[in-house]
Amino acid sequence: MSTEATHLTTAYLARPIAPSALAELRASDDAGRPCVPRRATDGGDPLRCCLRPSAPGERIALVSYAPLRRWAAGTGAEPGAYDEQGPVFIHPEDCGGPAPSEAYPFTRPGALRTLRRYDAAGRIVGGRLLELPEAPDEGLDAALTEAFTDPVVALVHVRAVEYGCFHFEVRRP
């Protein structure tokens, strides 16, 4: 799976959960619990492995994921108390990752997103609440551009406001 080929026309790269992290999460999640597959009933669950909604009847798993911890492990950052974990849906088997897309995942006009900004040490250095406009990609592009105009911002986590769950990560270009 390539985490580099998930967009064509958006200004920033929406990154899925990395394949190495997915392999670990499929055995034991970041809270130490085993991965328990189930069938999606209605579909629409946001899959963070391939950045698309689940289909009805598709096999999925809800696991606990610590995105900042995973990023910090690769960079040497020490996020301390900002290291949080939360629920994310993934495929319980390798799905091949995201297909190239011309849009950010999990967007619809009116949806509320929070964009949490982190510095290279893994500390929160700001955030922004965003109600996605009629052109959601343009709204996200503008909010991410705003975030990265601050030179200390190393990455941004895009999260759903309703559940607080992690949707995807964007790193400084």
C-alpha atoms as a PDB file:
ATOM      1  CA  MET A   1       0.000   0.000   0.000  1.00  0.00           C
ATOM      2  CA  SER A   2       1.306   3.418  -0.852  1.00  0.00           C
ATOM      3  CA  THR A   3       0.627   6.227   1.590  1.00  0.00           C
ATOM      4  CA  GLU A   4       1.924   8.707  -0.967  1.00  0.00           C
ATOM      5  CA  ALA A   5      -0.604   8.201  -3.757  1.00  0.00           C
ATOM      6  CA  THR A   6      -3.895   9.132  -2.131  1.00  0.00           C
ATOM      7  CA  HIS A   7      -4.678  12.381  -3.937  1.00  0.00           C
ATOM      8  CA  LEU A   8      -4.492  13.985  -7.332  1.00  0.00           C
ATOM      9  CA  THR A   9      -5.905  17.492  -7.046  1.00  0.00           C
ATOM     10  CA  THR A  10      -6.076  18.410  -3.361  1.00  0.00           C
ATOM     11  CA  ALA A  11      -3.342  20.695  -2.071  1.00  0.00           C
ATOM     12  CA  TYR A  12      -2.250  18.281   0.690  1.00  0.00           C
ATOM     13  CA  LEU A  13      -1.829  14.553   1.089  1.00  0.00           C
ATOM     14  CA  ALA A  14      -4.393  12.772   3.290  1.00  0.00           C
ATOM     15  CA  ARG A  15      -2.435   9.909   4.847  1.00  0.00           C
ATOM     16  CA  PRO A  16      -4.066   6.607   5.840  1.00  0.00           C
ATOM     17  CA  ILE A  17      -2.773   4.524   8.723  1.00  0.00           C
ATOM     18  CA  ALA A  18       0.616   3.160   7.658  1.00  0.00           C
ATOM     19  CA  PRO A  19       0.794  -0.506   6.577  1.00  0.00           C
ATOM     20  CA  SER A  20       3.217  -1.411   9.399  1.00  0.00           C
ATOM     21  CA  ALA A  21       0.850   0.077  12.000  1.00  0.00           C
ATOM     22  CA  LEU A  22      -2.115  -1.701  10.404  1.00  0.00           C
ATOM     23  CA  ALA A  23      -0.311  -5.054  10.671  1.00  0.00           C
ATOM     24  CA  GLU A  24       0.166  -4.453  14.395  1.00  0.00           C
ATOM     25  CA  LEU A  25      -3.396  -3.193  14.932  1.00  0.00           C
ATOM     26  CA  ARG A  26      -4.773  -6.300  13.242  1.00  0.00           C
ATOM     27  CA  ALA A  27      -3.079  -8.399  15.929  1.00  0.00           C
ATOM     28  CA  SER A  28      -3.467  -6.132  18.962  1.00  0.00           C
ATOM     29  CA  ASP A  29      -4.662  -2.534  19.052  1.00  0.00           C
ATOM     30  CA  ASP A  30      -2.978   0.381  20.819  1.00  0.00           C
ATOM     31  CA  ALA A  31      -4.989  -0.369  23.964  1.00  0.00           C
ATOM     32  CA  GLY A  32      -3.694  -3.965  23.984  1.00  0.00           C
ATOM     33  CA  ARG A  33      -6.966  -5.571  22.855  1.00  0.00           C
ATOM     34  CA  PRO A  34      -7.227  -8.146  20.057  1.00  0.00           C
ATOM     35  CA  CYS A  35      -8.727  -7.150  16.720  1.00  0.00           C
ATOM     36  CA  VAL A  36     -12.294  -8.501  16.530  1.00  0.00           C
ATOM     37  CA  PRO A  37     -13.762  -8.465  13.002  1.00  0.00           C
ATOM     38  CA  ARG A  38     -17.464  -7.997  12.391  1.00  0.00           C
ATOM     39  CA  ARG A  39     -19.767  -7.241   9.488  1.00  0.00           C
ATOM     40  CA  ALA A  40     -20.710  -3.637   8.769  1.00  0.00           C
ATOM     41  CA  THR A  41     -24.469  -3.461   9.113  1.00  0.00           C
ATOM     42  CA  ASP A  42     -25.435  -0.284   7.278  1.00  0.00           C
ATOM     43  CA  GLY A  43     -22.049   0.623   5.864  1.00  0.00           C
ATOM     44  CA  GLY A  44     -20.598   4.101   5.870  1.00  0.00           C
ATOM     45  CA  ASP A  45     -18.044   3.457   8.621  1.00  0.00           C
ATOM     46  CA  PRO A  46     -14.903   5.506   7.801  1.00  0.00           C
ATOM     47  CA  LEU A  47     -12.105   3.022   7.116  1.00  0.00           C
ATOM     48  CA  ARG A  48      -8.722   4.537   7.997  1.00  0.00           C
ATOM     49  CA  CYS A  49      -6.744   1.884   6.128  1.00  0.00           C
ATOM     50  CA  CYS A  50      -8.114   2.757   2.697  1.00  0.00           C
ATOM     51  CA  LEU A  51      -9.772   6.131   3.382  1.00  0.00           C
ATOM     52  CA  ARG A  52     -13.232   5.177   2.191  1.00  0.00           C
ATOM     53  CA  PRO A  53     -16.572   4.284   3.792  1.00  0.00           C
ATOM     54  CA  SER A  54     -17.382   0.655   4.455  1.00  0.00           C
ATOM     55  CA  ALA A  55     -20.026  -1.149   2.417  1.00  0.00           C
ATOM     56  CA  PRO A  56     -22.954  -2.984   4.034  1.00  0.00           C
ATOM     57  CA  GLY A  57     -21.875  -6.520   4.970  1.00  0.00           C
ATOM     58  CA  GLU A  58     -18.166  -5.769   4.566  1.00  0.00           C
ATOM     59  CA  ARG A  59     -15.795  -7.206   7.186  1.00  0.00           C
ATOM     60  CA  ILE A  60     -14.415  -4.424   9.385  1.00  0.00           C
ATOM     61  CA  ALA A  61     -12.935  -4.032  12.857  1.00  0.00           C
ATOM     62  CA  LEU A  62     -13.081  -1.237  15.403  1.00  0.00           C
ATOM     63  CA  VAL A  63      -9.684  -0.818  17.067  1.00  0.00           C
ATOM     64  CA  SER A  64      -8.020   1.680  19.367  1.00  0.00           C
ATOM     65  CA  TYR A  65      -5.371   3.747  17.569  1.00  0.00           C
ATOM     66  CA  ALA A  66      -2.829   6.261  18.891  1.00  0.00           C
ATOM     67  CA  PRO A  67      -1.854   8.300  15.802  1.00  0.00           C
ATOM     68  CA  LEU A  68       0.450  10.757  17.547  1.00  0.00           C
ATOM     69  CA  ARG A  69       2.264   7.947  19.382  1.00  0.00           C
ATOM     70  CA  ARG A  70       2.825   6.147  16.095  1.00  0.00           C
ATOM     71  CA  TRP A  71       4.172   9.313  14.416  1.00  0.00           C
ATOM     72  CA  ALA A  72       6.373  10.128  17.432  1.00  0.00           C
ATOM     73  CA  ALA A  73       7.921   6.654  17.384  1.00  0.00           C
ATOM     74  CA  GLY A  74       9.234   7.352  13.893  1.00  0.00           C
ATOM     75  CA  THR A  75      10.445  10.884  14.590  1.00  0.00           C
ATOM     76  CA  GLY A  76      11.793  10.700  18.137  1.00  0.00           C
ATOM     77  CA  ALA A  77       9.183  13.176  19.401  1.00  0.00           C
ATOM     78  CA  GLU A  78       7.922  12.939  22.988  1.00  0.00           C
ATOM     79  CA  PRO A  79       4.222  13.907  22.932  1.00  0.00           C
ATOM     80  CA  GLY A  80       3.729  13.202  26.639  1.00  0.00           C
ATOM     81  CA  ALA A  81       0.168  13.914  27.709  1.00  0.00           C
ATOM     82  CA  TYR A  82      -0.857  14.673  24.121  1.00  0.00           C
ATOM     83  CA  ASP A  83      -0.498  10.970  23.316  1.00  0.00           C
ATOM     84  CA  GLU A  84      -4.122   9.921  23.030  1.00  0.00           C
ATOM     85  CA  GLN A  85      -5.819   6.929  21.517  1.00  0.00           C
ATOM     86  CA  GLY A  86      -9.277   6.482  20.127  1.00  0.00           C
ATOM     87  CA  PRO A  87     -11.509   4.273  18.011  1.00  0.00           C
ATOM     88  CA  VAL A  88     -10.979   3.809  14.279  1.00  0.00           C
ATOM     89  CA  PHE A  89     -12.421   1.389  11.750  1.00  0.00           C
ATOM     90  CA  ILE A  90     -10.055  -0.708   9.641  1.00  0.00           C
ATOM     91  CA  HIS A  91     -10.257  -3.794   7.473  1.00  0.00           C
ATOM     92  CA  PRO A  92      -9.185  -6.844   9.516  1.00  0.00           C
ATOM     93  CA  GLU A  93      -7.185  -8.070   6.510  1.00  0.00           C
ATOM     94  CA  ASP A  94      -4.899  -6.213   4.101  1.00  0.00           C
ATOM     95  CA  CYS A  95      -7.056  -4.208   1.715  1.00  0.00           C
ATOM     96  CA  GLY A  96      -4.334  -2.744  -0.485  1.00  0.00           C
ATOM     97  CA  GLY A  97      -4.759   0.769   0.867  1.00  0.00           C
ATOM     98  CA  PRO A  98      -6.423   3.792  -0.666  1.00  0.00           C
ATOM     99  CA  ALA A  99      -7.078   4.199  -4.353  1.00  0.00           C
ATOM    100  CA  PRO A 100      -5.947   7.473  -5.922  1.00  0.00           C
ATOM    101  CA  SER A 101      -8.578  10.098  -5.248  1.00  0.00           C
ATOM    102  CA  GLU A 102      -9.266  13.626  -6.336  1.00  0.00           C
ATOM    103  CA  ALA A 103     -10.841  14.504  -2.978  1.00  0.00           C
ATOM    104  CA  TYR A 104     -10.184  14.385   0.740  1.00  0.00           C
ATOM    105  CA  PRO A 105     -11.844  11.405   2.427  1.00  0.00           C
ATOM    106  CA  PHE A 106     -14.908  11.544   4.677  1.00  0.00           C
ATOM    107  CA  THR A 107     -16.128  14.962   3.591  1.00  0.00           C
ATOM    108  CA  ARG A 108     -19.605  16.288   3.085  1.00  0.00           C
ATOM    109  CA  PRO A 109     -20.810  19.878   3.209  1.00  0.00           C
ATOM    110  CA  GLY A 110     -21.867  20.848   6.724  1.00  0.00           C
ATOM    111  CA  ALA A 111     -19.778  18.191   8.497  1.00  0.00           C
ATOM    112  CA  LEU A 112     -17.775  19.506  11.436  1.00  0.00           C
ATOM    113  CA  ARG A 113     -14.064  18.779  11.598  1.00  0.00           C
ATOM    114  CA  THR A 114     -11.358  19.818  13.985  1.00  0.00           C
ATOM    115  CA  LEU A 115      -7.834  20.247  12.701  1.00  0.00           C
ATOM    116  CA  ARG A 116      -5.324  19.722  15.506  1.00  0.00           C
ATOM    117  CA  ARG A 117      -1.873  21.141  14.870  1.00  0.00           C
ATOM    118  CA  TYR A 118       1.233  19.519  16.351  1.00  0.00           C
ATOM    119  CA  ASP A 119       4.859  20.649  16.474  1.00  0.00           C
ATOM    120  CA  ALA A 120       7.923  18.459  15.877  1.00  0.00           C
ATOM    121  CA  ALA A 121       8.000  17.542  19.583  1.00  0.00           C
ATOM    122  CA  GLY A 122       4.436  16.191  19.381  1.00  0.00           C
ATOM    123  CA  ARG A 123       2.765  18.985  21.364  1.00  0.00           C
ATOM    124  CA  ILE A 124      -0.469  20.664  20.312  1.00  0.00           C
ATOM    125  CA  VAL A 125       0.287  24.150  19.013  1.00  0.00           C
ATOM    126  CA  GLY A 126      -3.178  25.096  17.862  1.00  0.00           C
ATOM    127  CA  GLY A 127      -6.349  23.893  16.322  1.00  0.00           C
ATOM    128  CA  ARG A 128      -9.285  24.951  14.272  1.00  0.00           C
ATOM    129  CA  LEU A 129     -12.929  24.035  14.070  1.00  0.00           C
ATOM    130  CA  LEU A 130     -14.111  23.804  10.480  1.00  0.00           C
ATOM    131  CA  GLU A 131     -17.618  23.375   9.157  1.00  0.00           C
ATOM    132  CA  LEU A 132     -17.046  21.934   5.710  1.00  0.00           C
ATOM    133  CA  PRO A 133     -18.416  24.318   3.077  1.00  0.00           C
ATOM    134  CA  GLU A 134     -20.230  23.409  -0.148  1.00  0.00           C
ATOM    135  CA  ALA A 135     -16.786  22.779  -1.672  1.00  0.00           C
ATOM    136  CA  PRO A 136     -15.267  20.676   1.163  1.00  0.00           C
ATOM    137  CA  ASP A 137     -11.868  20.150  -0.480  1.00  0.00           C
ATOM    138  CA  GLU A 138     -11.406  23.898  -0.916  1.00  0.00           C
ATOM    139  CA  GLY A 139     -12.318  24.449   2.730  1.00  0.00           C
ATOM    140  CA  LEU A 140      -9.830  21.825   3.894  1.00  0.00           C
ATOM    141  CA  ASP A 141      -7.143  23.171   1.572  1.00  0.00           C
ATOM    142  CA  ALA A 142      -7.611  26.662   3.054  1.00  0.00           C
ATOM    143  CA  ALA A 143      -7.581  25.393   6.666  1.00  0.00           C
ATOM    144  CA  LEU A 144      -4.471  23.289   6.071  1.00  0.00           C
ATOM    145  CA  THR A 145      -2.708  26.154   4.311  1.00  0.00           C
ATOM    146  CA  GLU A 146      -3.537  28.328   7.322  1.00  0.00           C
ATOM    147  CA  ALA A 147      -2.102  25.661   9.648  1.00  0.00           C
ATOM    148  CA  PHE A 148       1.141  25.249   7.726  1.00  0.00           C
ATOM    149  CA  THR A 149       1.794  28.993   7.493  1.00  0.00           C
ATOM    150  CA  ASP A 150       2.918  28.606  11.111  1.00  0.00           C
ATOM    151  CA  PRO A 151       6.488  27.281  10.752  1.00  0.00           C
ATOM    152  CA  VAL A 152       6.297  25.220  13.957  1.00  0.00           C
ATOM    153  CA  VAL A 153       3.420  23.052  12.681  1.00  0.00           C
ATOM    154  CA  ALA A 154       4.790  19.648  11.655  1.00  0.00           C
ATOM    155  CA  LEU A 155       1.537  17.775  11.147  1.00  0.00           C
ATOM    156  CA  VAL A 156      -2.210  18.146  11.386  1.00  0.00           C
ATOM    157  CA  HIS A 157      -4.754  15.566  12.501  1.00  0.00           C
ATOM    158  CA  VAL A 158      -8.190  15.894  10.946  1.00  0.00           C
ATOM    159  CA  ARG A 159     -10.866  14.580  13.300  1.00  0.00           C
ATOM    160  CA  ALA A 160     -14.640  14.279  13.366  1.00  0.00           C
ATOM    161  CA  VAL A 161     -16.209  16.576  15.941  1.00  0.00           C
ATOM    162  CA  GLU A 162     -19.199  14.311  16.612  1.00  0.00           C
ATOM    163  CA  TYR A 163     -17.140  11.409  17.949  1.00  0.00           C
ATOM    164  CA  GLY A 164     -13.694  13.005  18.237  1.00  0.00           C
ATOM    165  CA  CYS A 165     -12.233  10.214  16.176  1.00  0.00           C
ATOM    166  CA  PHE A 166      -9.169  10.522  13.990  1.00  0.00           C
ATOM    167  CA  HIS A 167      -9.899  10.633  10.245  1.00  0.00           C
ATOM    168  CA  PHE A 168      -6.515  11.235   8.636  1.00  0.00           C
ATOM    169  CA  GLU A 169      -3.161  12.923   9.034  1.00  0.00           C
ATOM    170  CA  VAL A 170      -1.514  15.597   6.907  1.00  0.00           C
ATOM    171  CA  ARG A 171       2.200  16.270   7.256  1.00  0.00           C
ATOM    172  CA  ARG A 172       4.056  19.450   6.385  1.00  0.00           C
ATOM    173  CA  PRO A 173       4.721  19.310   2.632  1.00  0.00           C
END
